[in-house]
């Protein structure tokens, strides 16, 4: 078993004084693979918290049609 090292930044203060998006710069600096892995980890955690079987998960499917309008 390997232990993954993570850098964590902690901020103390009133919620009203907090930055709107404190981790925006961090995520903008990450590659797509890291972002997707983090998103998938959140999906897995959400299913675990709900007690759902991961095999029941699926992507939402929808169909849309876009057409260009002629301007008059």
PDB file of N, CA and C in Angstrom:
ATOM      1  N   UNK A   1       0.851  -1.181   0.000  1.00  0.00           N
ATOM      2  CA  UNK A   1       0.000   0.000   0.000  1.00  0.00           C
ATOM      3  C   UNK A   1       0.895   1.243   0.000  1.00  0.00           C
ATOM      4  N   UNK A   2       0.629   2.131  -0.925  1.00  0.00           N
ATOM      5  CA  UNK A   2       1.411   3.363  -0.988  1.00  0.00           C
ATOM      6  C   UNK A   2       0.580   4.528  -0.441  1.00  0.00           C
ATOM      7  N   UNK A   3       1.262   5.463   0.141  1.00  0.00           N
ATOM      8  CA  UNK A   3       0.604   6.645   0.689  1.00  0.00           C
ATOM      9  C   UNK A   3       0.879   7.810  -0.247  1.00  0.00           C
ATOM     10  N   UNK A   4      -0.186   8.450  -0.677  1.00  0.00           N
ATOM     11  CA  UNK A   4      -0.062   9.584  -1.591  1.00  0.00           C
ATOM     12  C   UNK A   4       0.123  10.865  -0.793  1.00  0.00           C
ATOM     13  N   UNK A   5       1.139  11.619  -1.135  1.00  0.00           N
ATOM     14  CA  UNK A   5       1.400  12.892  -0.462  1.00  0.00           C
ATOM     15  C   UNK A   5       0.613  13.994  -1.173  1.00  0.00           C
ATOM     16  N   UNK A   6      -0.081  14.804  -0.401  1.00  0.00           N
ATOM     17  CA  UNK A   6      -0.857  15.909  -0.953  1.00  0.00           C
ATOM     18  C   UNK A   6      -0.479  17.195  -0.242  1.00  0.00           C
ATOM     19  N   UNK A   7      -0.402  18.270  -1.000  1.00  0.00           N
ATOM     20  CA  UNK A   7      -0.200  19.592  -0.413  1.00  0.00           C
ATOM     21  C   UNK A   7      -1.565  20.172  -0.083  1.00  0.00           C
ATOM     22  N   UNK A   8      -1.707  20.635   1.136  1.00  0.00           N
ATOM     23  CA  UNK A   8      -2.982  21.180   1.581  1.00  0.00           C
ATOM     24  C   UNK A   8      -2.752  22.599   2.090  1.00  0.00           C
ATOM     25  N   UNK A   9      -3.596  23.511   1.650  1.00  0.00           N
ATOM     26  CA  UNK A   9      -3.549  24.884   2.135  1.00  0.00           C
ATOM     27  C   UNK A   9      -4.752  25.097   3.035  1.00  0.00           C
ATOM     28  N   UNK A  10      -4.520  25.638   4.211  1.00  0.00           N
ATOM     29  CA  UNK A  10      -5.588  25.875   5.176  1.00  0.00           C
ATOM     30  C   UNK A  10      -5.740  27.374   5.360  1.00  0.00           C
ATOM     31  N   UNK A  11      -6.960  27.835   5.380  1.00  0.00           N
ATOM     32  CA  UNK A  11      -7.250  29.246   5.585  1.00  0.00           C
ATOM     33  C   UNK A  11      -8.199  29.359   6.770  1.00  0.00           C
ATOM     34  N   UNK A  12      -7.897  30.251   7.684  1.00  0.00           N
ATOM     35  CA  UNK A  12      -8.759  30.504   8.837  1.00  0.00           C
ATOM     36  C   UNK A  12      -9.294  31.919   8.740  1.00  0.00           C
ATOM     37  N   UNK A  13     -10.560  32.075   9.019  1.00  0.00           N
ATOM     38  CA  UNK A  13     -11.162  33.395   9.014  1.00  0.00           C
ATOM     39  C   UNK A  13     -12.666  33.292   8.873  1.00  0.00           C
ATOM     40  N   UNK A  14     -13.285  34.426   8.709  1.00  0.00           N
ATOM     41  CA  UNK A  14     -14.733  34.446   8.525  1.00  0.00           C
ATOM     42  C   UNK A  14     -15.061  34.091   7.087  1.00  0.00           C
ATOM     43  N   UNK A  15     -16.147  33.371   6.907  1.00  0.00           N
ATOM     44  CA  UNK A  15     -16.556  32.948   5.573  1.00  0.00           C
ATOM     45  C   UNK A  15     -16.780  34.145   4.653  1.00  0.00           C
ATOM     46  N   UNK A  16     -17.286  35.229   5.198  1.00  0.00           N
ATOM     47  CA  UNK A  16     -17.539  36.432   4.391  1.00  0.00           C
ATOM     48  C   UNK A  16     -16.247  37.033   3.836  1.00  0.00           C
ATOM     49  N   UNK A  17     -15.119  36.782   4.505  1.00  0.00           N
ATOM     50  CA  UNK A  17     -13.838  37.336   4.090  1.00  0.00           C
ATOM     51  C   UNK A  17     -13.052  36.409   3.163  1.00  0.00           C
ATOM     52  N   UNK A  18     -13.581  35.236   2.886  1.00  0.00           N
ATOM     53  CA  UNK A  18     -12.864  34.246   2.063  1.00  0.00           C
ATOM     54  C   UNK A  18     -12.907  34.642   0.587  1.00  0.00           C
ATOM     55  N   UNK A  19     -11.895  34.209  -0.145  1.00  0.00           N
ATOM     56  CA  UNK A  19     -11.873  34.428  -1.595  1.00  0.00           C
ATOM     57  C   UNK A  19     -13.032  33.675  -2.235  1.00  0.00           C
ATOM     58  N   UNK A  20     -13.523  34.170  -3.365  1.00  0.00           N
ATOM     59  CA  UNK A  20     -14.635  33.515  -4.046  1.00  0.00           C
ATOM     60  C   UNK A  20     -14.214  32.146  -4.593  1.00  0.00           C
ATOM     61  N   UNK A  21     -13.040  32.050  -5.196  1.00  0.00           N
ATOM     62  CA  UNK A  21     -12.557  30.799  -5.779  1.00  0.00           C
ATOM     63  C   UNK A  21     -11.100  30.591  -5.361  1.00  0.00           C
ATOM     64  N   UNK A  22     -10.870  30.165  -4.130  1.00  0.00           N
ATOM     65  CA  UNK A  22      -9.498  30.100  -3.619  1.00  0.00           C
ATOM     66  C   UNK A  22      -8.596  29.104  -4.327  1.00  0.00           C
ATOM     67  N   UNK A  23      -9.153  28.088  -4.958  1.00  0.00           N
ATOM     68  CA  UNK A  23      -8.324  27.066  -5.602  1.00  0.00           C
ATOM     69  C   UNK A  23      -8.342  27.151  -7.127  1.00  0.00           C
ATOM     70  N   UNK A  24      -8.866  28.233  -7.667  1.00  0.00           N
ATOM     71  CA  UNK A  24      -8.963  28.377  -9.116  1.00  0.00           C
ATOM     72  C   UNK A  24      -7.595  28.308  -9.790  1.00  0.00           C
ATOM     73  N   UNK A  25      -6.629  29.005  -9.275  1.00  0.00           N
ATOM     74  CA  UNK A  25      -5.292  29.011  -9.867  1.00  0.00           C
ATOM     75  C   UNK A  25      -4.678  27.605  -9.837  1.00  0.00           C
ATOM     76  N   UNK A  26      -4.902  26.878  -8.738  1.00  0.00           N
ATOM     77  CA  UNK A  26      -4.382  25.510  -8.638  1.00  0.00           C
ATOM     78  C   UNK A  26      -4.953  24.634  -9.752  1.00  0.00           C
ATOM     79  N   UNK A  27      -6.288  24.641  -9.907  1.00  0.00           N
ATOM     80  CA  UNK A  27      -6.918  23.763 -10.903  1.00  0.00           C
ATOM     81  C   UNK A  27      -6.597  24.188 -12.323  1.00  0.00           C
ATOM     82  N   UNK A  28      -6.430  25.475 -12.569  1.00  0.00           N
ATOM     83  CA  UNK A  28      -6.051  25.924 -13.907  1.00  0.00           C
ATOM     84  C   UNK A  28      -4.651  25.445 -14.268  1.00  0.00           C
ATOM     85  N   UNK A  29      -3.825  25.204 -13.264  1.00  0.00           N
ATOM     86  CA  UNK A  29      -2.471  24.732 -13.507  1.00  0.00           C
ATOM     87  C   UNK A  29      -2.357  23.227 -13.659  1.00  0.00           C
ATOM     88  N   UNK A  30      -3.462  22.502 -13.473  1.00  0.00           N
ATOM     89  CA  UNK A  30      -3.439  21.043 -13.573  1.00  0.00           C
ATOM     90  C   UNK A  30      -3.795  20.595 -14.991  1.00  0.00           C
ATOM     91  N   UNK A  31      -3.243  19.457 -15.387  1.00  0.00           N
ATOM     92  CA  UNK A  31      -3.568  18.912 -16.716  1.00  0.00           C
ATOM     93  C   UNK A  31      -4.957  18.260 -16.670  1.00  0.00           C
ATOM     94  N   UNK A  32      -5.500  17.985 -17.849  1.00  0.00           N
ATOM     95  CA  UNK A  32      -6.838  17.417 -17.937  1.00  0.00           C
ATOM     96  C   UNK A  32      -6.943  16.069 -17.226  1.00  0.00           C
ATOM     97  N   UNK A  33      -5.884  15.274 -17.264  1.00  0.00           N
ATOM     98  CA  UNK A  33      -5.903  13.960 -16.628  1.00  0.00           C
ATOM     99  C   UNK A  33      -6.104  14.089 -15.115  1.00  0.00           C
ATOM    100  N   UNK A  34      -5.430  15.033 -14.504  1.00  0.00           N
ATOM    101  CA  UNK A  34      -5.563  15.254 -13.059  1.00  0.00           C
ATOM    102  C   UNK A  34      -6.964  15.750 -12.733  1.00  0.00           C
ATOM    103  N   UNK A  35      -7.499  16.655 -13.541  1.00  0.00           N
ATOM    104  CA  UNK A  35      -8.849  17.175 -13.312  1.00  0.00           C
ATOM    105  C   UNK A  35      -9.887  16.062 -13.439  1.00  0.00           C
ATOM    106  N   UNK A  36      -9.741  15.211 -14.459  1.00  0.00           N
ATOM    107  CA  UNK A  36     -10.696  14.123 -14.650  1.00  0.00           C
ATOM    108  C   UNK A  36     -10.612  13.122 -13.502  1.00  0.00           C
ATOM    109  N   UNK A  37      -9.399  12.816 -13.051  1.00  0.00           N
ATOM    110  CA  UNK A  37      -9.223  11.881 -11.942  1.00  0.00           C
ATOM    111  C   UNK A  37      -9.887  12.413 -10.671  1.00  0.00           C
ATOM    112  N   UNK A  38      -9.754  13.708 -10.420  1.00  0.00           N
ATOM    113  CA  UNK A  38     -10.380  14.315  -9.241  1.00  0.00           C
ATOM    114  C   UNK A  38     -11.902  14.269  -9.360  1.00  0.00           C
ATOM    115  N   UNK A  39     -12.424  14.552 -10.542  1.00  0.00           N
ATOM    116  CA  UNK A  39     -13.871  14.511 -10.752  1.00  0.00           C
ATOM    117  C   UNK A  39     -14.396  13.089 -10.566  1.00  0.00           C
ATOM    118  N   UNK A  40     -13.673  12.105 -11.086  1.00  0.00           N
ATOM    119  CA  UNK A  40     -14.109  10.716 -10.961  1.00  0.00           C
ATOM    120  C   UNK A  40     -14.063  10.277  -9.495  1.00  0.00           C
ATOM    121  N   UNK A  41     -13.066  10.737  -8.747  1.00  0.00           N
ATOM    122  CA  UNK A  41     -12.980  10.426  -7.323  1.00  0.00           C
ATOM    123  C   UNK A  41     -14.204  10.963  -6.589  1.00  0.00           C
ATOM    124  N   UNK A  42     -14.666  12.161  -6.971  1.00  0.00           N
ATOM    125  CA  UNK A  42     -15.865  12.729  -6.351  1.00  0.00           C
ATOM    126  C   UNK A  42     -17.104  11.903  -6.686  1.00  0.00           C
ATOM    127  N   UNK A  43     -17.174  11.386  -7.917  1.00  0.00           N
ATOM    128  CA  UNK A  43     -18.295  10.522  -8.308  1.00  0.00           C
ATOM    129  C   UNK A  43     -18.319   9.274  -7.428  1.00  0.00           C
ATOM    130  N   UNK A  44     -17.155   8.652  -7.262  1.00  0.00           N
ATOM    131  CA  UNK A  44     -17.063   7.444  -6.445  1.00  0.00           C
ATOM    132  C   UNK A  44     -17.452   7.726  -4.991  1.00  0.00           C
ATOM    133  N   UNK A  45     -16.978   8.845  -4.454  1.00  0.00           N
ATOM    134  CA  UNK A  45     -17.313   9.204  -3.073  1.00  0.00           C
ATOM    135  C   UNK A  45     -18.804   9.481  -2.913  1.00  0.00           C
ATOM    136  N   UNK A  46     -19.413  10.134  -3.904  1.00  0.00           N
ATOM    137  CA  UNK A  46     -20.845  10.424  -3.838  1.00  0.00           C
ATOM    138  C   UNK A  46     -21.657   9.135  -3.831  1.00  0.00           C
ATOM    139  N   UNK A  47     -21.277   8.190  -4.669  1.00  0.00           N
ATOM    140  CA  UNK A  47     -21.982   6.908  -4.690  1.00  0.00           C
ATOM    141  C   UNK A  47     -21.801   6.161  -3.370  1.00  0.00           C
ATOM    142  N   UNK A  48     -20.604   6.216  -2.810  1.00  0.00           N
ATOM    143  CA  UNK A  48     -20.345   5.540  -1.538  1.00  0.00           C
ATOM    144  C   UNK A  48     -21.166   6.175  -0.412  1.00  0.00           C
ATOM    145  N   UNK A  49     -21.258   7.510  -0.385  1.00  0.00           N
ATOM    146  CA  UNK A  49     -22.031   8.199   0.648  1.00  0.00           C
ATOM    147  C   UNK A  49     -23.516   7.864   0.554  1.00  0.00           C
ATOM    148  N   UNK A  50     -24.008   7.701  -0.670  1.00  0.00           N
ATOM    149  CA  UNK A  50     -25.424   7.372  -0.872  1.00  0.00           C
ATOM    150  C   UNK A  50     -25.689   5.885  -0.702  1.00  0.00           C
ATOM    151  N   UNK A  51     -24.623   5.089  -0.603  1.00  0.00           N
ATOM    152  CA  UNK A  51     -24.792   3.641  -0.480  1.00  0.00           C
ATOM    153  C   UNK A  51     -25.228   2.993  -1.780  1.00  0.00           C
ATOM    154  N   UNK A  52     -24.961   3.643  -2.889  1.00  0.00           N
ATOM    155  CA  UNK A  52     -25.368   3.133  -4.197  1.00  0.00           C
ATOM    156  C   UNK A  52     -24.277   2.257  -4.792  1.00  0.00           C
ATOM    157  N   UNK A  53     -24.692   1.338  -5.631  1.00  0.00           N
ATOM    158  CA  UNK A  53     -23.762   0.495  -6.366  1.00  0.00           C
ATOM    159  C   UNK A  53     -23.273   1.281  -7.573  1.00  0.00           C
ATOM    160  N   UNK A  54     -21.969   1.315  -7.765  1.00  0.00           N
ATOM    161  CA  UNK A  54     -21.394   2.087  -8.863  1.00  0.00           C
ATOM    162  C   UNK A  54     -21.857   1.572 -10.223  1.00  0.00           C
ATOM    163  N   UNK A  55     -22.209   0.296 -10.309  1.00  0.00           N
ATOM    164  CA  UNK A  55     -22.665  -0.254 -11.585  1.00  0.00           C
ATOM    165  C   UNK A  55     -24.001   0.345 -12.013  1.00  0.00           C
ATOM    166  N   UNK A  56     -24.704   1.010 -11.078  1.00  0.00           N
ATOM    167  CA  UNK A  56     -25.977   1.648 -11.407  1.00  0.00           C
ATOM    168  C   UNK A  56     -25.799   3.037 -12.003  1.00  0.00           C
ATOM    169  N   UNK A  57     -24.578   3.542 -11.974  1.00  0.00           N
ATOM    170  CA  UNK A  57     -24.359   4.897 -12.473  1.00  0.00           C
ATOM    171  C   UNK A  57     -24.365   4.913 -13.994  1.00  0.00           C
ATOM    172  N   UNK A  58     -24.785   6.024 -14.544  1.00  0.00           N
ATOM    173  CA  UNK A  58     -24.770   6.189 -15.995  1.00  0.00           C
ATOM    174  C   UNK A  58     -24.733   7.670 -16.319  1.00  0.00           C
ATOM    175  N   UNK A  59     -24.315   7.978 -17.500  1.00  0.00           N
ATOM    176  CA  UNK A  59     -24.299   9.364 -17.948  1.00  0.00           C
ATOM    177  C   UNK A  59     -25.697   9.773 -18.390  1.00  0.00           C
ATOM    178  N   UNK A  60     -26.027  11.016 -18.147  1.00  0.00           N
ATOM    179  CA  UNK A  60     -27.300  11.523 -18.618  1.00  0.00           C
ATOM    180  C   UNK A  60     -27.220  11.656 -20.125  1.00  0.00           C
ATOM    181  N   UNK A  61     -28.237  11.188 -20.782  1.00  0.00           N
ATOM    182  CA  UNK A  61     -28.251  11.258 -22.244  1.00  0.00           C
ATOM    183  C   UNK A  61     -29.369  12.194 -22.688  1.00  0.00           C
ATOM    184  N   UNK A  62     -29.039  13.067 -23.600  1.00  0.00           N
ATOM    185  CA  UNK A  62     -30.055  13.947 -24.160  1.00  0.00           C
ATOM    186  C   UNK A  62     -29.670  14.267 -25.596  1.00  0.00           C
ATOM    187  N   UNK A  63     -30.668  14.624 -26.358  1.00  0.00           N
ATOM    188  CA  UNK A  63     -30.454  14.939 -27.770  1.00  0.00           C
ATOM    189  C   UNK A  63     -30.944  16.357 -28.004  1.00  0.00           C
ATOM    190  N   UNK A  64     -30.165  17.118 -28.739  1.00  0.00           N
ATOM    191  CA  UNK A  64     -30.544  18.490 -29.044  1.00  0.00           C
ATOM    192  C   UNK A  64     -30.230  18.775 -30.499  1.00  0.00           C
ATOM    193  N   UNK A  65     -30.938  19.723 -31.055  1.00  0.00           N
ATOM    194  CA  UNK A  65     -30.704  20.121 -32.434  1.00  0.00           C
ATOM    195  C   UNK A  65     -30.554  21.639 -32.459  1.00  0.00           C
ATOM    196  N   UNK A  66     -29.480  22.099 -33.067  1.00  0.00           N
ATOM    197  CA  UNK A  66     -29.234  23.533 -33.187  1.00  0.00           C
ATOM    198  C   UNK A  66     -29.301  23.914 -34.664  1.00  0.00           C
ATOM    199  N   UNK A  67     -29.972  25.000 -34.920  1.00  0.00           N
ATOM    200  CA  UNK A  67     -30.055  25.488 -36.294  1.00  0.00           C
ATOM    201  C   UNK A  67     -29.775  26.970 -36.294  1.00  0.00           C
ATOM    202  N   UNK A  68     -29.087  27.430 -37.313  1.00  0.00           N
ATOM    203  CA  UNK A  68     -28.773  28.842 -37.442  1.00  0.00           C
ATOM    204  C   UNK A  68     -29.994  29.567 -38.016  1.00  0.00           C
ATOM    205  N   UNK A  69     -30.315  30.694 -37.420  1.00  0.00           N
ATOM    206  CA  UNK A  69     -31.418  31.505 -37.930  1.00  0.00           C
ATOM    207  C   UNK A  69     -30.882  32.528 -38.893  1.00  0.00           C
ATOM    208  N   UNK A  70     -31.646  32.788 -39.909  1.00  0.00           N
ATOM    209  CA  UNK A  70     -31.306  33.842 -40.848  1.00  0.00           C
ATOM    210  C   UNK A  70     -31.698  35.177 -40.211  1.00  0.00           C
ATOM    211  N   UNK A  71     -30.780  36.125 -40.195  1.00  0.00           N
ATOM    212  CA  UNK A  71     -31.117  37.435 -39.638  1.00  0.00           C
ATOM    213  C   UNK A  71     -31.748  38.297 -40.731  1.00  0.00           C
ATOM    214  N   UNK A  72     -32.758  39.036 -40.345  1.00  0.00           N
ATOM    215  CA  UNK A  72     -33.485  39.857 -41.322  1.00  0.00           C
ATOM    216  C   UNK A  72     -33.109  41.288 -41.211  1.00  0.00           C
TER     217      UNK A  72
END
